[in-house]
């Protein structure tokens, strides 16, 4: 988040700073009155710290709520993002044509919510999709998916950098969640290749779906992805 955005959020929450001052004033005055009853200075300090902590937690919660709402996109940022998205769609279209697939899509990793221990849930969403005529669009049904539902796919991407399923019946028992996902969308075979960020961590993957096993040409797929994978990674890391 940019500094200007943070300053704006803090300015909007300025009233909370005033509230914090009022809290301190109230505590000090209450404790001064109670000093006649032999309250110690340590007790006064502890009370102030506790009240400030509660106030600080509330302020931080309000800031995070505003952060989660996102920030206003500038015209320049909008233009830049639109250009990247157009290029991503272009490369996916080329992959679709060159591989003879029914669908070429891009999944990106992200977080979504936290458990009671504060750990983020690991999710992924299909952010871009191109399909052959007669093939259903499934992007809207492929949002905020738990990565744990597709542990076989995710593990293969992490270990090998790719995942190839030449027949979904082969993963029916070993990766049930992924099998059902593919079956529900009439996908009988698919190839996925991992996309990496500058840190070397996987940030998503390209997915190529087939409705007919006979259309799958593994060598053609690899040759097609050889250069386009790098171009798509570059776009994602801009």
C-alpha atoms as a PDB file:
ATOM      1  CA  UNK A   1       0.000   0.000   0.000  1.00  0.00           C
ATOM      2  CA  UNK A   2       1.304   3.470  -0.899  1.00  0.00           C
ATOM      3  CA  UNK A   3       2.243   5.998   1.823  1.00  0.00           C
ATOM      4  CA  UNK A   4      -0.441   8.432   0.623  1.00  0.00           C
ATOM      5  CA  UNK A   5      -3.105   5.761   1.100  1.00  0.00           C
ATOM      6  CA  UNK A   6      -1.913   4.992   4.633  1.00  0.00           C
ATOM      7  CA  UNK A   7      -1.895   8.706   5.528  1.00  0.00           C
ATOM      8  CA  UNK A   8      -5.431   9.030   4.189  1.00  0.00           C
ATOM      9  CA  UNK A   9      -6.594   6.109   6.305  1.00  0.00           C
ATOM     10  CA  UNK A  10      -4.962   7.527   9.411  1.00  0.00           C
ATOM     11  CA  UNK A  11      -6.489  10.940   8.798  1.00  0.00           C
ATOM     12  CA  UNK A  12      -9.913   9.329   8.543  1.00  0.00           C
ATOM     13  CA  UNK A  13      -9.267   7.661  11.866  1.00  0.00           C
ATOM     14  CA  UNK A  14      -8.050  10.843  13.544  1.00  0.00           C
ATOM     15  CA  UNK A  15     -11.057  10.874  15.822  1.00  0.00           C
ATOM     16  CA  UNK A  16      -9.739   7.680  17.387  1.00  0.00           C
ATOM     17  CA  UNK A  17      -6.555   9.465  18.418  1.00  0.00           C
ATOM     18  CA  UNK A  18      -8.689  12.031  20.228  1.00  0.00           C
ATOM     19  CA  UNK A  19     -10.571   9.175  21.881  1.00  0.00           C
ATOM     20  CA  UNK A  20      -7.267   7.743  23.077  1.00  0.00           C
ATOM     21  CA  UNK A  21      -6.347  11.091  24.651  1.00  0.00           C
ATOM     22  CA  UNK A  22      -9.712  11.221  26.388  1.00  0.00           C
ATOM     23  CA  UNK A  23      -9.155   7.718  27.725  1.00  0.00           C
ATOM     24  CA  UNK A  24      -5.802   8.755  29.215  1.00  0.00           C
ATOM     25  CA  UNK A  25      -7.311  11.883  30.766  1.00  0.00           C
ATOM     26  CA  UNK A  26     -10.155   9.918  32.333  1.00  0.00           C
ATOM     27  CA  UNK A  27      -7.871   7.251  33.747  1.00  0.00           C
ATOM     28  CA  UNK A  28      -5.405   9.770  35.180  1.00  0.00           C
ATOM     29  CA  UNK A  29      -8.144  11.813  36.816  1.00  0.00           C
ATOM     30  CA  UNK A  30      -9.841   8.736  38.235  1.00  0.00           C
ATOM     31  CA  UNK A  31      -6.587   7.478  39.642  1.00  0.00           C
ATOM     32  CA  UNK A  32      -5.593  10.825  41.104  1.00  0.00           C
ATOM     33  CA  UNK A  33      -8.846  10.829  43.003  1.00  0.00           C
ATOM     34  CA  UNK A  34      -8.199   7.309  44.153  1.00  0.00           C
ATOM     35  CA  UNK A  35      -4.653   8.090  45.289  1.00  0.00           C
ATOM     36  CA  UNK A  36      -6.187   9.324  48.487  1.00  0.00           C
ATOM     37  CA  UNK A  37      -7.127   5.713  48.987  1.00  0.00           C
ATOM     38  CA  UNK A  38      -3.429   4.807  48.569  1.00  0.00           C
ATOM     39  CA  UNK A  39      -3.567   3.571  44.948  1.00  0.00           C
ATOM     40  CA  UNK A  40      -0.005   3.116  43.711  1.00  0.00           C
ATOM     41  CA  UNK A  41       1.591   4.813  40.708  1.00  0.00           C
ATOM     42  CA  UNK A  42       2.202   1.354  39.204  1.00  0.00           C
ATOM     43  CA  UNK A  43      -1.524   0.657  39.233  1.00  0.00           C
ATOM     44  CA  UNK A  44      -2.158   3.968  37.453  1.00  0.00           C
ATOM     45  CA  UNK A  45       0.452   3.116  34.777  1.00  0.00           C
ATOM     46  CA  UNK A  46      -0.912  -0.359  34.234  1.00  0.00           C
ATOM     47  CA  UNK A  47      -4.429   0.983  33.831  1.00  0.00           C
ATOM     48  CA  UNK A  48      -3.303   3.572  31.273  1.00  0.00           C
ATOM     49  CA  UNK A  49      -1.341   0.958  29.303  1.00  0.00           C
ATOM     50  CA  UNK A  50      -4.294  -1.427  29.269  1.00  0.00           C
ATOM     51  CA  UNK A  51      -6.702   1.244  28.052  1.00  0.00           C
ATOM     52  CA  UNK A  52      -4.254   2.435  25.413  1.00  0.00           C
ATOM     53  CA  UNK A  53      -3.755  -1.130  24.217  1.00  0.00           C
ATOM     54  CA  UNK A  54      -7.503  -1.613  23.846  1.00  0.00           C
ATOM     55  CA  UNK A  55      -7.766   1.667  21.961  1.00  0.00           C
ATOM     56  CA  UNK A  56      -4.788   0.790  19.744  1.00  0.00           C
ATOM     57  CA  UNK A  57      -6.271  -2.610  18.892  1.00  0.00           C
ATOM     58  CA  UNK A  58      -9.507  -0.928  17.888  1.00  0.00           C
ATOM     59  CA  UNK A  59      -7.689   1.612  15.689  1.00  0.00           C
ATOM     60  CA  UNK A  60      -5.669  -1.132  14.017  1.00  0.00           C
ATOM     61  CA  UNK A  61      -8.832  -3.134  13.352  1.00  0.00           C
ATOM     62  CA  UNK A  62     -10.445  -0.127  11.680  1.00  0.00           C
ATOM     63  CA  UNK A  63      -7.383   0.497   9.528  1.00  0.00           C
ATOM     64  CA  UNK A  64      -7.267  -3.139   8.397  1.00  0.00           C
ATOM     65  CA  UNK A  65     -10.943  -3.042   7.502  1.00  0.00           C
ATOM     66  CA  UNK A  66     -10.284  -0.098   5.243  1.00  0.00           C
ATOM     67  CA  UNK A  67      -7.214  -1.793   3.762  1.00  0.00           C
ATOM     68  CA  UNK A  68      -9.269  -4.904   2.979  1.00  0.00           C
ATOM     69  CA  UNK A  69     -11.751  -2.713   1.118  1.00  0.00           C
ATOM     70  CA  UNK A  70      -8.964  -1.896  -1.324  1.00  0.00           C
ATOM     71  CA  UNK A  71      -7.787   1.431  -2.621  1.00  0.00           C
ATOM     72  CA  UNK A  72      -8.939   3.636  -5.438  1.00  0.00           C
ATOM     73  CA  UNK A  73      -7.211   2.690  -8.680  1.00  0.00           C
ATOM     74  CA  UNK A  74      -5.619   5.626 -10.461  1.00  0.00           C
ATOM     75  CA  UNK A  75      -6.140   6.064 -14.235  1.00  0.00           C
ATOM     76  CA  UNK A  76      -2.477   5.185 -14.790  1.00  0.00           C
ATOM     77  CA  UNK A  77      -2.752   1.975 -12.734  1.00  0.00           C
ATOM     78  CA  UNK A  78      -6.007   1.065 -14.471  1.00  0.00           C
ATOM     79  CA  UNK A  79      -4.372   1.485 -17.878  1.00  0.00           C
ATOM     80  CA  UNK A  80      -1.339  -0.587 -16.838  1.00  0.00           C
ATOM     81  CA  UNK A  81      -3.443  -3.441 -15.416  1.00  0.00           C
ATOM     82  CA  UNK A  82      -5.702  -3.451 -18.491  1.00  0.00           C
ATOM     83  CA  UNK A  83      -2.667  -3.735 -20.772  1.00  0.00           C
ATOM     84  CA  UNK A  84      -1.314  -6.682 -18.769  1.00  0.00           C
ATOM     85  CA  UNK A  85      -4.694  -8.437 -18.804  1.00  0.00           C
ATOM     86  CA  UNK A  86      -4.994  -8.008 -22.586  1.00  0.00           C
ATOM     87  CA  UNK A  87      -1.569  -9.559 -23.089  1.00  0.00           C
ATOM     88  CA  UNK A  88      -2.403 -12.448 -20.760  1.00  0.00           C
ATOM     89  CA  UNK A  89      -5.572 -13.145 -22.763  1.00  0.00           C
ATOM     90  CA  UNK A  90      -3.551 -12.979 -25.972  1.00  0.00           C
ATOM     91  CA  UNK A  91      -1.027 -15.575 -24.792  1.00  0.00           C
ATOM     92  CA  UNK A  92      -3.769 -17.863 -23.479  1.00  0.00           C
ATOM     93  CA  UNK A  93      -5.488 -17.600 -26.877  1.00  0.00           C
ATOM     94  CA  UNK A  94      -2.266 -18.636 -28.597  1.00  0.00           C
ATOM     95  CA  UNK A  95      -1.891 -21.582 -26.208  1.00  0.00           C
ATOM     96  CA  UNK A  96      -5.471 -22.646 -26.951  1.00  0.00           C
ATOM     97  CA  UNK A  97      -4.922 -22.626 -30.719  1.00  0.00           C
ATOM     98  CA  UNK A  98      -1.453 -24.170 -30.720  1.00  0.00           C
ATOM     99  CA  UNK A  99      -2.334 -27.065 -28.384  1.00  0.00           C
ATOM    100  CA  UNK A 100      -5.803 -27.825 -29.779  1.00  0.00           C
ATOM    101  CA  UNK A 101      -7.203 -27.644 -26.227  1.00  0.00           C
ATOM    102  CA  UNK A 102     -10.770 -26.836 -25.227  1.00  0.00           C
ATOM    103  CA  UNK A 103      -9.727 -24.373 -22.552  1.00  0.00           C
ATOM    104  CA  UNK A 104      -6.628 -22.440 -21.523  1.00  0.00           C
ATOM    105  CA  UNK A 105      -6.767 -20.654 -18.196  1.00  0.00           C
ATOM    106  CA  UNK A 106      -4.646 -18.893 -15.623  1.00  0.00           C
ATOM    107  CA  UNK A 107      -4.928 -19.569 -11.885  1.00  0.00           C
ATOM    108  CA  UNK A 108      -3.342 -17.244  -9.353  1.00  0.00           C
ATOM    109  CA  UNK A 109      -2.583 -18.001  -5.719  1.00  0.00           C
ATOM    110  CA  UNK A 110      -3.878 -15.762  -2.947  1.00  0.00           C
ATOM    111  CA  UNK A 111      -4.929 -15.779   0.706  1.00  0.00           C
ATOM    112  CA  UNK A 112      -8.466 -15.614   1.970  1.00  0.00           C
ATOM    113  CA  UNK A 113      -9.502 -15.375   5.611  1.00  0.00           C
ATOM    114  CA  UNK A 114      -7.715 -16.710   8.666  1.00  0.00           C
ATOM    115  CA  UNK A 115      -8.199 -19.461  11.216  1.00  0.00           C
ATOM    116  CA  UNK A 116      -8.297 -18.940  14.993  1.00  0.00           C
ATOM    117  CA  UNK A 117      -4.502 -19.131  15.139  1.00  0.00           C
ATOM    118  CA  UNK A 118      -4.153 -16.264  12.682  1.00  0.00           C
ATOM    119  CA  UNK A 119      -2.935 -18.431   9.825  1.00  0.00           C
ATOM    120  CA  UNK A 120      -4.159 -17.437   6.376  1.00  0.00           C
ATOM    121  CA  UNK A 121      -6.139 -19.929   4.331  1.00  0.00           C
ATOM    122  CA  UNK A 122      -4.372 -20.736   1.071  1.00  0.00           C
ATOM    123  CA  UNK A 123      -6.624 -20.229  -1.927  1.00  0.00           C
ATOM    124  CA  UNK A 124      -6.474 -19.869  -5.681  1.00  0.00           C
ATOM    125  CA  UNK A 125      -8.741 -18.381  -8.337  1.00  0.00           C
ATOM    126  CA  UNK A 126      -9.060 -18.611 -12.096  1.00  0.00           C
ATOM    127  CA  UNK A 127      -8.421 -15.040 -13.211  1.00  0.00           C
ATOM    128  CA  UNK A 128      -8.249 -15.508 -16.988  1.00  0.00           C
ATOM    129  CA  UNK A 129      -9.917 -17.973 -19.342  1.00  0.00           C
ATOM    130  CA  UNK A 130     -10.232 -18.554 -23.094  1.00  0.00           C
ATOM    131  CA  UNK A 131     -12.219 -21.424 -24.606  1.00  0.00           C
ATOM    132  CA  UNK A 132     -12.880 -23.136 -27.906  1.00  0.00           C
ATOM    133  CA  UNK A 133     -16.321 -22.674 -29.439  1.00  0.00           C
ATOM    134  CA  UNK A 134     -18.888 -24.880 -27.702  1.00  0.00           C
ATOM    135  CA  UNK A 135     -16.850 -25.115 -24.482  1.00  0.00           C
ATOM    136  CA  UNK A 136     -18.462 -23.728 -21.330  1.00  0.00           C
ATOM    137  CA  UNK A 137     -16.874 -20.848 -19.438  1.00  0.00           C
ATOM    138  CA  UNK A 138     -16.136 -21.841 -15.843  1.00  0.00           C
ATOM    139  CA  UNK A 139     -14.187 -18.866 -14.506  1.00  0.00           C
ATOM    140  CA  UNK A 140     -17.039 -17.665 -12.294  1.00  0.00           C
ATOM    141  CA  UNK A 141     -17.218 -21.138 -10.723  1.00  0.00           C
ATOM    142  CA  UNK A 142     -13.491 -21.283 -10.098  1.00  0.00           C
ATOM    143  CA  UNK A 143     -13.025 -18.525  -7.513  1.00  0.00           C
ATOM    144  CA  UNK A 144     -11.580 -18.687  -3.981  1.00  0.00           C
ATOM    145  CA  UNK A 145     -10.866 -22.403  -4.186  1.00  0.00           C
ATOM    146  CA  UNK A 146      -9.017 -23.967  -1.271  1.00  0.00           C
ATOM    147  CA  UNK A 147      -5.697 -25.268  -2.544  1.00  0.00           C
ATOM    148  CA  UNK A 148      -6.050 -28.131  -0.089  1.00  0.00           C
ATOM    149  CA  UNK A 149      -8.919 -29.447  -2.249  1.00  0.00           C
ATOM    150  CA  UNK A 150      -6.394 -30.122  -5.021  1.00  0.00           C
ATOM    151  CA  UNK A 151      -3.469 -31.423  -2.997  1.00  0.00           C
ATOM    152  CA  UNK A 152      -2.291 -33.796  -5.752  1.00  0.00           C
ATOM    153  CA  UNK A 153      -2.115 -30.995  -8.308  1.00  0.00           C
ATOM    154  CA  UNK A 154      -0.462 -28.552  -5.894  1.00  0.00           C
ATOM    155  CA  UNK A 155       2.101 -31.108  -4.716  1.00  0.00           C
ATOM    156  CA  UNK A 156       2.987 -32.050  -8.293  1.00  0.00           C
ATOM    157  CA  UNK A 157       3.467 -28.389  -9.237  1.00  0.00           C
ATOM    158  CA  UNK A 158       5.686 -27.853  -6.198  1.00  0.00           C
ATOM    159  CA  UNK A 159       7.752 -31.001  -6.768  1.00  0.00           C
ATOM    160  CA  UNK A 160       7.967 -31.063 -10.566  1.00  0.00           C
ATOM    161  CA  UNK A 161       6.898 -27.665 -11.859  1.00  0.00           C
ATOM    162  CA  UNK A 162       4.067 -29.257 -13.837  1.00  0.00           C
ATOM    163  CA  UNK A 163       1.153 -31.680 -13.520  1.00  0.00           C
ATOM    164  CA  UNK A 164      -0.131 -33.912 -16.302  1.00  0.00           C
ATOM    165  CA  UNK A 165      -3.319 -35.966 -16.115  1.00  0.00           C
ATOM    166  CA  UNK A 166      -3.816 -37.962 -19.308  1.00  0.00           C
ATOM    167  CA  UNK A 167      -7.041 -39.503 -17.961  1.00  0.00           C
ATOM    168  CA  UNK A 168      -8.912 -38.164 -14.943  1.00  0.00           C
ATOM    169  CA  UNK A 169      -9.990 -41.695 -13.999  1.00  0.00           C
ATOM    170  CA  UNK A 170      -6.374 -42.252 -12.956  1.00  0.00           C
ATOM    171  CA  UNK A 171      -6.753 -39.748 -10.093  1.00  0.00           C
ATOM    172  CA  UNK A 172     -10.249 -40.759  -9.027  1.00  0.00           C
ATOM    173  CA  UNK A 173      -9.040 -42.317  -5.782  1.00  0.00           C
ATOM    174  CA  UNK A 174      -5.807 -40.390  -5.161  1.00  0.00           C
ATOM    175  CA  UNK A 175      -7.122 -36.838  -5.658  1.00  0.00           C
ATOM    176  CA  UNK A 176     -10.883 -37.011  -5.218  1.00  0.00           C
ATOM    177  CA  UNK A 177     -11.533 -33.261  -4.948  1.00  0.00           C
ATOM    178  CA  UNK A 178      -9.660 -32.457  -8.142  1.00  0.00           C
ATOM    179  CA  UNK A 179     -11.235 -35.412  -9.929  1.00  0.00           C
ATOM    180  CA  UNK A 180     -14.748 -34.193  -9.154  1.00  0.00           C
ATOM    181  CA  UNK A 181     -13.864 -30.662 -10.199  1.00  0.00           C
ATOM    182  CA  UNK A 182     -12.596 -31.865 -13.585  1.00  0.00           C
ATOM    183  CA  UNK A 183     -15.456 -34.313 -14.100  1.00  0.00           C
ATOM    184  CA  UNK A 184     -18.093 -31.685 -13.333  1.00  0.00           C
ATOM    185  CA  UNK A 185     -16.739 -29.541 -16.160  1.00  0.00           C
ATOM    186  CA  UNK A 186     -16.356 -32.410 -18.661  1.00  0.00           C
ATOM    187  CA  UNK A 187     -12.556 -32.288 -18.575  1.00  0.00           C
ATOM    188  CA  UNK A 188     -11.029 -35.698 -19.342  1.00  0.00           C
ATOM    189  CA  UNK A 189      -7.354 -34.693 -19.554  1.00  0.00           C
ATOM    190  CA  UNK A 190      -5.292 -31.641 -18.601  1.00  0.00           C
ATOM    191  CA  UNK A 191      -1.815 -30.204 -18.341  1.00  0.00           C
ATOM    192  CA  UNK A 192      -0.703 -27.603 -15.803  1.00  0.00           C
ATOM    193  CA  UNK A 193       2.582 -25.732 -15.539  1.00  0.00           C
ATOM    194  CA  UNK A 194       3.718 -23.681 -12.538  1.00  0.00           C
ATOM    195  CA  UNK A 195       4.390 -19.944 -12.718  1.00  0.00           C
ATOM    196  CA  UNK A 196       7.030 -18.448 -10.439  1.00  0.00           C
ATOM    197  CA  UNK A 197       7.538 -15.035  -8.858  1.00  0.00           C
ATOM    198  CA  UNK A 198      10.835 -13.187  -8.421  1.00  0.00           C
ATOM    199  CA  UNK A 199      11.328 -14.909  -5.059  1.00  0.00           C
ATOM    200  CA  UNK A 200      11.241 -18.335  -6.678  1.00  0.00           C
ATOM    201  CA  UNK A 201       7.881 -19.193  -5.120  1.00  0.00           C
ATOM    202  CA  UNK A 202       4.926 -20.434  -7.165  1.00  0.00           C
ATOM    203  CA  UNK A 203       2.391 -17.652  -7.714  1.00  0.00           C
ATOM    204  CA  UNK A 204      -0.011 -19.587  -9.932  1.00  0.00           C
ATOM    205  CA  UNK A 205      -0.202 -21.878 -12.919  1.00  0.00           C
ATOM    206  CA  UNK A 206      -1.408 -22.225 -16.496  1.00  0.00           C
ATOM    207  CA  UNK A 207      -4.081 -24.865 -17.011  1.00  0.00           C
ATOM    208  CA  UNK A 208      -4.834 -26.539 -20.356  1.00  0.00           C
ATOM    209  CA  UNK A 209      -8.022 -28.634 -20.491  1.00  0.00           C
ATOM    210  CA  UNK A 210      -9.127 -31.253 -23.015  1.00  0.00           C
ATOM    211  CA  UNK A 211     -12.551 -32.775 -23.564  1.00  0.00           C
ATOM    212  CA  UNK A 212     -11.068 -35.634 -25.633  1.00  0.00           C
ATOM    213  CA  UNK A 213      -7.988 -37.666 -24.742  1.00  0.00           C
ATOM    214  CA  UNK A 214      -7.188 -38.122 -28.413  1.00  0.00           C
ATOM    215  CA  UNK A 215      -6.560 -34.369 -28.755  1.00  0.00           C
ATOM    216  CA  UNK A 216      -3.688 -34.412 -26.257  1.00  0.00           C
ATOM    217  CA  UNK A 217      -0.230 -34.076 -27.809  1.00  0.00           C
ATOM    218  CA  UNK A 218       2.246 -33.773 -24.941  1.00  0.00           C
ATOM    219  CA  UNK A 219       5.195 -32.713 -27.090  1.00  0.00           C
ATOM    220  CA  UNK A 220       3.139 -30.009 -28.776  1.00  0.00           C
ATOM    221  CA  UNK A 221       1.998 -28.743 -25.368  1.00  0.00           C
ATOM    222  CA  UNK A 222       5.541 -28.534 -24.004  1.00  0.00           C
ATOM    223  CA  UNK A 223       6.825 -26.799 -27.118  1.00  0.00           C
ATOM    224  CA  UNK A 224       4.009 -24.267 -26.972  1.00  0.00           C
ATOM    225  CA  UNK A 225       4.548 -23.487 -23.281  1.00  0.00           C
ATOM    226  CA  UNK A 226       8.314 -23.287 -23.560  1.00  0.00           C
ATOM    227  CA  UNK A 227       8.366 -19.582 -24.397  1.00  0.00           C
ATOM    228  CA  UNK A 228       4.893 -18.420 -23.376  1.00  0.00           C
ATOM    229  CA  UNK A 229       5.370 -19.549 -19.773  1.00  0.00           C
ATOM    230  CA  UNK A 230       8.248 -17.075 -19.351  1.00  0.00           C
ATOM    231  CA  UNK A 231       6.274 -14.256 -20.987  1.00  0.00           C
ATOM    232  CA  UNK A 232       3.293 -14.832 -18.698  1.00  0.00           C
ATOM    233  CA  UNK A 233       5.539 -14.996 -15.616  1.00  0.00           C
ATOM    234  CA  UNK A 234       7.064 -11.671 -16.635  1.00  0.00           C
ATOM    235  CA  UNK A 235       3.636 -10.070 -16.914  1.00  0.00           C
ATOM    236  CA  UNK A 236       2.573 -11.391 -13.501  1.00  0.00           C
ATOM    237  CA  UNK A 237       5.690  -9.948 -11.897  1.00  0.00           C
ATOM    238  CA  UNK A 238       5.389  -6.435 -13.340  1.00  0.00           C
END
